[in-house]
PDB file of N, CA and C in Angstrom:
ATOM      1  N   MET A   1     -17.859  36.588 -55.612  1.00  0.00           N
ATOM      2  CA  MET A   1     -18.165  36.313 -54.075  1.00  0.00           C
ATOM      3  C   MET A   1     -16.640  35.036 -53.647  1.00  0.00           C
ATOM      4  N   PRO A   2     -15.991  35.778 -52.551  1.00  0.00           N
ATOM      5  CA  PRO A   2     -14.810  35.180 -52.492  1.00  0.00           C
ATOM      6  C   PRO A   2     -14.113  33.767 -52.823  1.00  0.00           C
ATOM      7  N   SER A   3     -12.716  33.674 -52.196  1.00  0.00           N
ATOM      8  CA  SER A   3     -12.454  32.433 -52.291  1.00  0.00           C
ATOM      9  C   SER A   3     -11.900  31.529 -51.276  1.00  0.00           C
ATOM     10  N   TYR A   4     -12.560  30.672 -51.484  1.00  0.00           N
ATOM     11  CA  TYR A   4     -12.680  29.583 -49.669  1.00  0.00           C
ATOM     12  C   TYR A   4     -12.254  28.078 -50.479  1.00  0.00           C
ATOM     13  N   GLU A   5     -11.110  28.458 -49.725  1.00  0.00           N
ATOM     14  CA  GLU A   5     -10.118  27.523 -49.940  1.00  0.00           C
ATOM     15  C   GLU A   5      -9.923  26.998 -48.786  1.00  0.00           C
ATOM     16  N   ASP A   6      -9.348  25.251 -48.354  1.00  0.00           N
ATOM     17  CA  ASP A   6      -8.714  25.091 -47.331  1.00  0.00           C
ATOM     18  C   ASP A   6      -7.750  26.008 -46.445  1.00  0.00           C
ATOM     19  N   ASP A   7      -8.250  26.354 -46.077  1.00  0.00           N
ATOM     20  CA  ASP A   7      -6.720  27.259 -45.258  1.00  0.00           C
ATOM     21  C   ASP A   7      -6.633  26.712 -44.453  1.00  0.00           C
ATOM     22  N   TYR A   8      -7.367  26.324 -43.477  1.00  0.00           N
ATOM     23  CA  TYR A   8      -7.795  25.787 -42.121  1.00  0.00           C
ATOM     24  C   TYR A   8      -6.787  24.223 -42.202  1.00  0.00           C
ATOM     25  N   ASP A   9      -7.002  23.280 -42.871  1.00  0.00           N
ATOM     26  CA  ASP A   9      -6.362  22.086 -42.890  1.00  0.00           C
ATOM     27  C   ASP A   9      -4.650  22.525 -43.177  1.00  0.00           C
ATOM     28  N   ASP A  10      -4.416  23.952 -44.330  1.00  0.00           N
ATOM     29  CA  ASP A  10      -3.038  23.741 -43.209  1.00  0.00           C
ATOM     30  C   ASP A  10      -1.947  24.811 -42.466  1.00  0.00           C
ATOM     31  N   GLU A  11      -2.998  25.422 -41.983  1.00  0.00           N
ATOM     32  CA  GLU A  11      -2.572  25.554 -40.950  1.00  0.00           C
ATOM     33  C   GLU A  11      -1.840  25.164 -39.433  1.00  0.00           C
ATOM     34  N   PHE A  12      -2.923  24.120 -39.790  1.00  0.00           N
ATOM     35  CA  PHE A  12      -2.654  23.531 -38.213  1.00  0.00           C
ATOM     36  C   PHE A  12      -2.601  21.513 -39.090  1.00  0.00           C
ATOM     37  N   GLU A  13      -1.493  21.856 -39.909  1.00  0.00           N
ATOM     38  CA  GLU A  13      -0.400  20.091 -39.930  1.00  0.00           C
ATOM     39  C   GLU A  13      -0.198  19.921 -39.867  1.00  0.00           C
ATOM     40  N   ASN A  14       0.640  20.898 -39.496  1.00  0.00           N
ATOM     41  CA  ASN A  14       2.522  20.922 -38.430  1.00  0.00           C
ATOM     42  C   ASN A  14       2.400  20.343 -36.500  1.00  0.00           C
ATOM     43  N   ASP A  15       0.861  20.421 -36.622  1.00  0.00           N
ATOM     44  CA  ASP A  15       0.881  21.039 -35.404  1.00  0.00           C
ATOM     45  C   ASP A  15       0.232  19.962 -34.669  1.00  0.00           C
ATOM     46  N   ASP A  16       1.065  18.362 -35.469  1.00  0.00           N
ATOM     47  CA  ASP A  16       0.792  17.494 -34.796  1.00  0.00           C
ATOM     48  C   ASP A  16       2.004  16.463 -33.959  1.00  0.00           C
ATOM     49  N   ASP A  17       2.683  17.124 -34.200  1.00  0.00           N
ATOM     50  CA  ASP A  17       3.655  17.011 -33.666  1.00  0.00           C
ATOM     51  C   ASP A  17       4.116  17.764 -32.070  1.00  0.00           C
ATOM     52  N   PHE A  18       3.090  17.879 -31.557  1.00  0.00           N
ATOM     53  CA  PHE A  18       2.545  18.025 -30.502  1.00  0.00           C
ATOM     54  C   PHE A  18       2.583  16.884 -29.588  1.00  0.00           C
ATOM     55  N   MET A  19       1.653  15.725 -30.528  1.00  0.00           N
ATOM     56  CA  MET A  19       1.357  14.573 -29.768  1.00  0.00           C
ATOM     57  C   MET A  19       2.570  13.625 -29.856  1.00  0.00           C
ATOM     58  N   ASP A  20       3.675  13.644 -30.387  1.00  0.00           N
ATOM     59  CA  ASP A  20       5.251  12.513 -30.227  1.00  0.00           C
ATOM     60  C   ASP A  20       6.377  12.875 -28.710  1.00  0.00           C
ATOM     61  N   GLU A  21       5.932  14.098 -28.386  1.00  0.00           N
ATOM     62  CA  GLU A  21       6.856  14.127 -27.401  1.00  0.00           C
ATOM     63  C   GLU A  21       6.381  13.762 -26.330  1.00  0.00           C
ATOM     64  N   ASP A  22       7.350  13.231 -25.604  1.00  0.00           N
ATOM     65  CA  ASP A  22       7.101  12.471 -24.314  1.00  0.00           C
ATOM     66  C   ASP A  22       7.261  13.128 -23.430  1.00  0.00           C
ATOM     67  N   GLU A  23       6.742  13.335 -22.756  1.00  0.00           N
ATOM     68  CA  GLU A  23       5.889  14.323 -21.382  1.00  0.00           C
ATOM     69  C   GLU A  23       6.111  14.001 -19.647  1.00  0.00           C
ATOM     70  N   GLY A  24       5.343  12.617 -20.584  1.00  0.00           N
ATOM     71  CA  GLY A  24       5.178  12.538 -18.386  1.00  0.00           C
ATOM     72  C   GLY A  24       3.940  12.201 -18.043  1.00  0.00           C
ATOM     73  N   ILE A  25       3.619  12.245 -16.642  1.00  0.00           N
ATOM     74  CA  ILE A  25       3.252  12.874 -15.755  1.00  0.00           C
ATOM     75  C   ILE A  25       3.206  13.826 -15.257  1.00  0.00           C
ATOM     76  N   ILE A  26       2.228  14.411 -15.259  1.00  0.00           N
ATOM     77  CA  ILE A  26       2.172  14.954 -13.590  1.00  0.00           C
ATOM     78  C   ILE A  26       1.551  15.404 -12.269  1.00  0.00           C
ATOM     79  N   LEU A  27       2.259  15.244 -11.870  1.00  0.00           N
ATOM     80  CA  LEU A  27       2.256  14.323 -10.344  1.00  0.00           C
ATOM     81  C   LEU A  27       2.240  17.253  -9.431  1.00  0.00           C
ATOM     82  N   ALA A  28       1.621  16.465  -8.360  1.00  0.00           N
ATOM     83  CA  ALA A  28       1.014  17.124  -7.809  1.00  0.00           C
ATOM     84  C   ALA A  28       0.787  16.585  -6.685  1.00  0.00           C
ATOM     85  N   CYS A  29       1.219  17.785  -5.591  1.00  0.00           N
ATOM     86  CA  CYS A  29       0.982  17.137  -4.370  1.00  0.00           C
ATOM     87  C   CYS A  29       0.170  17.808  -3.245  1.00  0.00           C
ATOM     88  N   GLU A  30      -0.984  17.374  -2.760  1.00  0.00           N
ATOM     89  CA  GLU A  30      -1.924  17.203  -2.103  1.00  0.00           C
ATOM     90  C   GLU A  30      -1.891  18.089  -0.918  1.00  0.00           C
ATOM     91  N   ASP A  31      -0.100  18.197   0.214  1.00  0.00           N
ATOM     92  CA  ASP A  31       0.492  18.599   1.532  1.00  0.00           C
ATOM     93  C   ASP A  31       0.864  20.243   0.835  1.00  0.00           C
ATOM     94  N   CYS A  32       1.997  20.239   0.512  1.00  0.00           N
ATOM     95  CA  CYS A  32       2.062  21.891  -0.432  1.00  0.00           C
ATOM     96  C   CYS A  32       2.083  21.950  -1.466  1.00  0.00           C
ATOM     97  N   ASP A  33       1.663  21.476  -2.465  1.00  0.00           N
ATOM     98  CA  ASP A  33       1.363  21.941  -3.080  1.00  0.00           C
ATOM     99  C   ASP A  33       1.832  21.655  -4.272  1.00  0.00           C
ATOM    100  N   TYR A  34       2.803  21.217  -4.898  1.00  0.00           N
ATOM    101  CA  TYR A  34       4.105  21.423  -4.983  1.00  0.00           C
ATOM    102  C   TYR A  34       4.236  20.486  -6.319  1.00  0.00           C
ATOM    103  N   ARG A  35       4.023  20.627  -7.988  1.00  0.00           N
ATOM    104  CA  ARG A  35       3.778  20.166  -9.466  1.00  0.00           C
ATOM    105  C   ARG A  35       5.361  20.381  -9.554  1.00  0.00           C
ATOM    106  N   TRP A  36       4.921  18.512 -10.793  1.00  0.00           N
ATOM    107  CA  TRP A  36       5.379  18.625 -11.310  1.00  0.00           C
ATOM    108  C   TRP A  36       5.862  17.338 -12.615  1.00  0.00           C
ATOM    109  N   ARG A  37       6.530  16.908 -13.137  1.00  0.00           N
ATOM    110  CA  ARG A  37       6.507  15.942 -14.553  1.00  0.00           C
ATOM    111  C   ARG A  37       7.319  15.060 -14.228  1.00  0.00           C
ATOM    112  N   SER A  38       6.455  14.190 -13.939  1.00  0.00           N
ATOM    113  CA  SER A  38       8.097  12.602 -13.600  1.00  0.00           C
ATOM    114  C   SER A  38       7.088  11.879 -14.731  1.00  0.00           C
ATOM    115  N   GLY A  39       8.504  10.282 -15.391  1.00  0.00           N
ATOM    116  CA  GLY A  39       8.413  10.207 -16.826  1.00  0.00           C
ATOM    117  C   GLY A  39       8.563  10.619 -17.475  1.00  0.00           C
ATOM    118  N   GLY A  40       9.303  10.344 -18.660  1.00  0.00           N
ATOM    119  CA  GLY A  40      10.094  10.833 -19.814  1.00  0.00           C
ATOM    120  C   GLY A  40      11.748  10.115 -19.905  1.00  0.00           C
ATOM    121  N   ASP A  41      12.933  10.693 -21.034  1.00  0.00           N
ATOM    122  CA  ASP A  41      13.843   9.657 -20.440  1.00  0.00           C
ATOM    123  C   ASP A  41      14.382  10.889 -19.718  1.00  0.00           C
ATOM    124  N   ASP A  42      14.107  12.118 -19.696  1.00  0.00           N
ATOM    125  CA  ASP A  42      15.226  13.188 -19.096  1.00  0.00           C
ATOM    126  C   ASP A  42      14.706  14.045 -17.532  1.00  0.00           C
ATOM    127  N   ASP A  43      13.874  12.226 -16.771  1.00  0.00           N
ATOM    128  CA  ASP A  43      12.885  13.066 -15.488  1.00  0.00           C
ATOM    129  C   ASP A  43      14.073  13.598 -14.471  1.00  0.00           C
ATOM    130  N   GLU A  44      13.436  14.765 -14.029  1.00  0.00           N
ATOM    131  CA  GLU A  44      16.135  15.609 -12.776  1.00  0.00           C
ATOM    132  C   GLU A  44      14.810  14.966 -11.677  1.00  0.00           C
ATOM    133  N   TYR A  45      13.674  14.168 -11.840  1.00  0.00           N
ATOM    134  CA  TYR A  45      13.658  13.881  -9.585  1.00  0.00           C
ATOM    135  C   TYR A  45      13.242  12.258 -10.854  1.00  0.00           C
ATOM    136  N   GLU A  46      13.865  11.737 -11.444  1.00  0.00           N
ATOM    137  CA  GLU A  46      14.691  10.264 -10.925  1.00  0.00           C
ATOM    138  C   GLU A  46      14.695   9.212  -9.607  1.00  0.00           C
ATOM    139  N   ASP A  47      15.161   9.746  -8.720  1.00  0.00           N
ATOM    140  CA  ASP A  47      14.949   9.224  -7.418  1.00  0.00           C
ATOM    141  C   ASP A  47      13.954   9.118  -6.540  1.00  0.00           C
ATOM    142  N   TYR A  48      13.040   9.686  -7.524  1.00  0.00           N
ATOM    143  CA  TYR A  48      12.135   9.637  -6.538  1.00  0.00           C
ATOM    144  C   TYR A  48      11.322   8.472  -7.432  1.00  0.00           C
ATOM    145  N   SER A  49      11.077   7.925  -9.014  1.00  0.00           N
ATOM    146  CA  SER A  49      10.316   7.108  -9.600  1.00  0.00           C
ATOM    147  C   SER A  49      10.212   6.010  -9.227  1.00  0.00           C
ATOM    148  N   THR A  50      10.579   5.275  -7.854  1.00  0.00           N
ATOM    149  CA  THR A  50      10.592   4.217  -7.988  1.00  0.00           C
ATOM    150  C   THR A  50       9.222   3.895  -7.341  1.00  0.00           C
ATOM    151  N   GLY A  51       7.889   3.849  -7.824  1.00  0.00           N
ATOM    152  CA  GLY A  51       6.393   3.060  -7.388  1.00  0.00           C
ATOM    153  C   GLY A  51       6.237   3.760  -7.044  1.00  0.00           C
ATOM    154  N   GLU A  52       6.765   4.520  -6.029  1.00  0.00           N
ATOM    155  CA  GLU A  52       5.490   5.079  -4.756  1.00  0.00           C
ATOM    156  C   GLU A  52       5.908   6.822  -4.731  1.00  0.00           C
ATOM    157  N   MET A  53       5.460   6.974  -5.064  1.00  0.00           N
ATOM    158  CA  MET A  53       4.969   8.706  -4.865  1.00  0.00           C
ATOM    159  C   MET A  53       5.177   9.454  -4.132  1.00  0.00           C
ATOM    160  N   ILE A  54       6.160  10.455  -4.274  1.00  0.00           N
ATOM    161  CA  ILE A  54       6.983  10.676  -2.599  1.00  0.00           C
ATOM    162  C   ILE A  54       7.357  12.495  -3.398  1.00  0.00           C
ATOM    163  N   CYS A  55       7.240  13.353  -2.616  1.00  0.00           N
ATOM    164  CA  CYS A  55       6.976  15.240  -3.367  1.00  0.00           C
ATOM    165  C   CYS A  55       8.599  15.264  -3.323  1.00  0.00           C
ATOM    166  N   PRO A  56       9.429  15.529  -3.911  1.00  0.00           N
ATOM    167  CA  PRO A  56      10.587  16.032  -3.685  1.00  0.00           C
ATOM    168  C   PRO A  56      11.216  17.695  -3.050  1.00  0.00           C
ATOM    169  N   MET A  57      10.012  18.325  -3.027  1.00  0.00           N
ATOM    170  CA  MET A  57       9.942  18.862  -2.304  1.00  0.00           C
ATOM    171  C   MET A  57       9.392  19.256  -0.402  1.00  0.00           C
ATOM    172  N   CYS A  58       8.841  18.547  -0.189  1.00  0.00           N
ATOM    173  CA  CYS A  58       7.984  18.389   1.483  1.00  0.00           C
ATOM    174  C   CYS A  58       8.521  16.883   2.132  1.00  0.00           C
ATOM    175  N   GLY A  59       8.385  15.716   1.520  1.00  0.00           N
ATOM    176  CA  GLY A  59       8.842  14.708   1.319  1.00  0.00           C
ATOM    177  C   GLY A  59       7.177  14.124   1.376  1.00  0.00           C
ATOM    178  N   SER A  60       6.162  14.452   1.799  1.00  0.00           N
ATOM    179  CA  SER A  60       5.302  14.198   1.920  1.00  0.00           C
ATOM    180  C   SER A  60       4.461  12.718   0.424  1.00  0.00           C
ATOM    181  N   SER A  61       3.860  12.132   1.225  1.00  0.00           N
ATOM    182  CA  SER A  61       3.241  11.116   0.027  1.00  0.00           C
ATOM    183  C   SER A  61       1.797  11.340  -0.376  1.00  0.00           C
ATOM    184  N   ASN A  62       1.549  12.034   0.064  1.00  0.00           N
ATOM    185  CA  ASN A  62       0.403  12.326  -0.807  1.00  0.00           C
ATOM    186  C   ASN A  62       0.327  13.170  -1.116  1.00  0.00           C
ATOM    187  N   VAL A  63       0.577  12.284  -2.566  1.00  0.00           N
ATOM    188  CA  VAL A  63       0.792  13.240  -4.177  1.00  0.00           C
ATOM    189  C   VAL A  63      -0.153  12.340  -5.603  1.00  0.00           C
ATOM    190  N   VAL A  64      -0.546  12.869  -6.082  1.00  0.00           N
ATOM    191  CA  VAL A  64      -1.768  12.653  -6.942  1.00  0.00           C
ATOM    192  C   VAL A  64      -1.801  13.099  -8.934  1.00  0.00           C
ATOM    193  N   GLU A  65      -1.748  12.528  -9.205  1.00  0.00           N
ATOM    194  CA  GLU A  65      -1.828  12.208 -11.255  1.00  0.00           C
ATOM    195  C   GLU A  65      -2.641  13.370 -11.692  1.00  0.00           C
ATOM    196  N   ILE A  66      -2.373  14.432 -12.100  1.00  0.00           N
ATOM    197  CA  ILE A  66      -3.820  15.222 -12.655  1.00  0.00           C
ATOM    198  C   ILE A  66      -3.715  15.277 -14.018  1.00  0.00           C
TER     199      ILE A  66
END
């Protein structure tokens, strides 16, 4: 009879680290379909995070959170 050890928990024991990463939110422009991440410490589009969501590619305000 094969030995059924609890290898499943051992394999995925360190996979909880992805929850610690602050990735911010993903935004998408409905006009040009450009997608980018907003938020977090190293936001490359920090000029566009003034509360009103504006697409950094086309300047449209027709932006949704994904």
